[in-house]
Amino acid sequence: MSEVRIPRVAHGERTVFSPGGEEVNQLLAAVTALTAEVAVLRQRIKALEALAAKAGTLPDGAVDRYEPGVAEREEQAAWHEKLLRRVFYRYIERES
């Protein structure tokens, strides 16, 4: 039985989402790429959770039940703020 392989690099012309709207095409291409990355990350996280539960190093459902402490929530909030500023820098600069 031969292994099925999915190409990791797209070939051919770029998809046109909106004829004549280059900014819209760029935005939708970015959203599409990010959506694909989120899907892959979710699959990998789920696989890691399953492997940890199977190995007995992490009880099943522990990640869903996890409650971070105040310091960790503050650290996460600061990281998210930096991320949003990096991603949306053009829009933040316009408001200033």
C-alpha atoms as a PDB file:
ATOM      1  CA  MET A   1       0.000   0.000   0.000  1.00  0.00           C
ATOM      2  CA  SER A   2       1.492   3.345  -1.012  1.00  0.00           C
ATOM      3  CA  GLU A   3       1.571   6.317   1.330  1.00  0.00           C
ATOM      4  CA  VAL A   4      -0.647   9.267   0.427  1.00  0.00           C
ATOM      5  CA  ARG A   5       1.273  12.541   0.532  1.00  0.00           C
ATOM      6  CA  ILE A   6      -0.180  16.011   0.623  1.00  0.00           C
ATOM      7  CA  PRO A   7       2.067  18.699  -0.888  1.00  0.00           C
ATOM      8  CA  ARG A   8       3.208  21.306   1.655  1.00  0.00           C
ATOM      9  CA  VAL A   9       3.846  23.986  -0.951  1.00  0.00           C
ATOM     10  CA  ALA A  10       1.076  25.326  -3.145  1.00  0.00           C
ATOM     11  CA  HIS A  11       1.723  25.390  -6.865  1.00  0.00           C
ATOM     12  CA  GLY A  12       0.071  27.572  -9.456  1.00  0.00           C
ATOM     13  CA  GLU A  13      -1.465  31.005  -9.260  1.00  0.00           C
ATOM     14  CA  ARG A  14      -2.581  32.591  -6.006  1.00  0.00           C
ATOM     15  CA  THR A  15      -6.277  32.468  -5.226  1.00  0.00           C
ATOM     16  CA  VAL A  16      -8.150  35.677  -6.043  1.00  0.00           C
ATOM     17  CA  PHE A  17     -10.862  36.299  -3.451  1.00  0.00           C
ATOM     18  CA  SER A  18     -12.008  39.682  -4.714  1.00  0.00           C
ATOM     19  CA  PRO A  19     -11.242  40.832  -8.269  1.00  0.00           C
ATOM     20  CA  GLY A  20      -9.676  44.301  -8.219  1.00  0.00           C
ATOM     21  CA  GLY A  21      -9.294  44.422  -4.436  1.00  0.00           C
ATOM     22  CA  GLU A  22      -5.644  43.615  -3.709  1.00  0.00           C
ATOM     23  CA  GLU A  23      -5.913  44.581  -0.016  1.00  0.00           C
ATOM     24  CA  VAL A  24      -8.925  42.300   0.409  1.00  0.00           C
ATOM     25  CA  ASN A  25      -7.050  39.481  -1.326  1.00  0.00           C
ATOM     26  CA  GLN A  26      -4.037  39.972   0.959  1.00  0.00           C
ATOM     27  CA  LEU A  27      -6.226  40.051   4.057  1.00  0.00           C
ATOM     28  CA  LEU A  28      -8.182  36.939   3.104  1.00  0.00           C
ATOM     29  CA  ALA A  29      -4.967  35.114   2.185  1.00  0.00           C
ATOM     30  CA  ALA A  30      -3.568  35.984   5.621  1.00  0.00           C
ATOM     31  CA  VAL A  31      -6.771  34.888   7.386  1.00  0.00           C
ATOM     32  CA  THR A  32      -6.771  31.641   5.419  1.00  0.00           C
ATOM     33  CA  ALA A  33      -3.125  30.955   6.303  1.00  0.00           C
ATOM     34  CA  LEU A  34      -3.750  31.736   9.979  1.00  0.00           C
ATOM     35  CA  THR A  35      -6.827  29.503  10.031  1.00  0.00           C
ATOM     36  CA  ALA A  36      -4.758  26.634   8.647  1.00  0.00           C
ATOM     37  CA  GLU A  37      -2.099  27.241  11.314  1.00  0.00           C
ATOM     38  CA  VAL A  38      -4.711  27.288  14.098  1.00  0.00           C
ATOM     39  CA  ALA A  39      -6.154  24.009  12.820  1.00  0.00           C
ATOM     40  CA  VAL A  40      -2.714  22.365  12.829  1.00  0.00           C
ATOM     41  CA  LEU A  41      -1.897  23.712  16.296  1.00  0.00           C
ATOM     42  CA  ARG A  42      -5.216  22.436  17.650  1.00  0.00           C
ATOM     43  CA  GLN A  43      -4.579  18.960  16.225  1.00  0.00           C
ATOM     44  CA  ARG A  44      -1.090  18.897  17.739  1.00  0.00           C
ATOM     45  CA  ILE A  45      -2.305  20.072  21.155  1.00  0.00           C
ATOM     46  CA  LYS A  46      -5.062  17.457  21.168  1.00  0.00           C
ATOM     47  CA  ALA A  47      -2.506  14.787  20.216  1.00  0.00           C
ATOM     48  CA  LEU A  48      -0.164  15.899  23.027  1.00  0.00           C
ATOM     49  CA  GLU A  49      -3.033  15.842  25.542  1.00  0.00           C
ATOM     50  CA  ALA A  50      -4.028  12.332  24.415  1.00  0.00           C
ATOM     51  CA  LEU A  51      -0.426  11.073  24.582  1.00  0.00           C
ATOM     52  CA  ALA A  52       0.064  12.561  28.057  1.00  0.00           C
ATOM     53  CA  ALA A  53      -3.203  11.020  29.283  1.00  0.00           C
ATOM     54  CA  LYS A  54      -2.300   7.633  27.756  1.00  0.00           C
ATOM     55  CA  ALA A  55       1.137   7.753  29.409  1.00  0.00           C
ATOM     56  CA  GLY A  56      -0.461   8.614  32.745  1.00  0.00           C
ATOM     57  CA  THR A  57       1.455  11.882  33.096  1.00  0.00           C
ATOM     58  CA  LEU A  58      -1.672  14.015  32.761  1.00  0.00           C
ATOM     59  CA  PRO A  59      -5.182  13.012  33.820  1.00  0.00           C
ATOM     60  CA  ASP A  60      -7.767  13.031  31.031  1.00  0.00           C
ATOM     61  CA  GLY A  61      -9.445  16.468  30.853  1.00  0.00           C
ATOM     62  CA  ALA A  62      -6.850  18.168  33.080  1.00  0.00           C
ATOM     63  CA  VAL A  63      -6.136  20.908  30.538  1.00  0.00           C
ATOM     64  CA  ASP A  64      -9.832  21.831  30.309  1.00  0.00           C
ATOM     65  CA  ARG A  65     -10.107  21.988  34.102  1.00  0.00           C
ATOM     66  CA  TYR A  66      -6.913  24.013  34.598  1.00  0.00           C
ATOM     67  CA  GLU A  67      -7.369  27.388  36.322  1.00  0.00           C
ATOM     68  CA  PRO A  68      -4.318  29.683  36.072  1.00  0.00           C
ATOM     69  CA  GLY A  69      -3.360  31.820  39.052  1.00  0.00           C
ATOM     70  CA  VAL A  70      -3.456  35.615  39.130  1.00  0.00           C
ATOM     71  CA  ALA A  71       0.201  36.057  38.137  1.00  0.00           C
ATOM     72  CA  GLU A  72      -0.151  33.661  35.211  1.00  0.00           C
ATOM     73  CA  ARG A  73      -3.351  35.372  34.005  1.00  0.00           C
ATOM     74  CA  GLU A  74      -1.591  38.746  34.147  1.00  0.00           C
ATOM     75  CA  GLU A  75       1.359  37.339  32.182  1.00  0.00           C
ATOM     76  CA  GLN A  76      -1.019  35.878  29.580  1.00  0.00           C
ATOM     77  CA  ALA A  77      -2.902  39.171  29.310  1.00  0.00           C
ATOM     78  CA  ALA A  78       0.356  41.080  28.748  1.00  0.00           C
ATOM     79  CA  TRP A  79       1.429  38.575  26.071  1.00  0.00           C
ATOM     80  CA  HIS A  80      -1.948  38.872  24.336  1.00  0.00           C
ATOM     81  CA  GLU A  81      -1.721  42.669  24.411  1.00  0.00           C
ATOM     82  CA  LYS A  82       1.721  42.544  22.760  1.00  0.00           C
ATOM     83  CA  LEU A  83       0.446  40.088  20.158  1.00  0.00           C
ATOM     84  CA  LEU A  84      -2.546  42.263  19.286  1.00  0.00           C
ATOM     85  CA  ARG A  85      -0.322  45.330  19.013  1.00  0.00           C
ATOM     86  CA  ARG A  86       2.009  43.459  16.615  1.00  0.00           C
ATOM     87  CA  VAL A  87      -0.839  42.102  14.498  1.00  0.00           C
ATOM     88  CA  PHE A  88      -2.968  45.246  14.383  1.00  0.00           C
ATOM     89  CA  TYR A  89      -0.198  47.871  14.486  1.00  0.00           C
ATOM     90  CA  ARG A  90      -1.517  49.678  11.408  1.00  0.00           C
ATOM     91  CA  TYR A  91      -4.934  50.188  12.943  1.00  0.00           C
ATOM     92  CA  ILE A  92      -3.536  51.232  16.324  1.00  0.00           C
ATOM     93  CA  GLU A  93      -1.278  53.847  14.669  1.00  0.00           C
ATOM     94  CA  ARG A  94      -4.270  55.332  12.794  1.00  0.00           C
ATOM     95  CA  GLU A  95      -6.219  55.851  16.021  1.00  0.00           C
ATOM     96  CA  SER A  96      -3.370  57.716  17.715  1.00  0.00           C
END
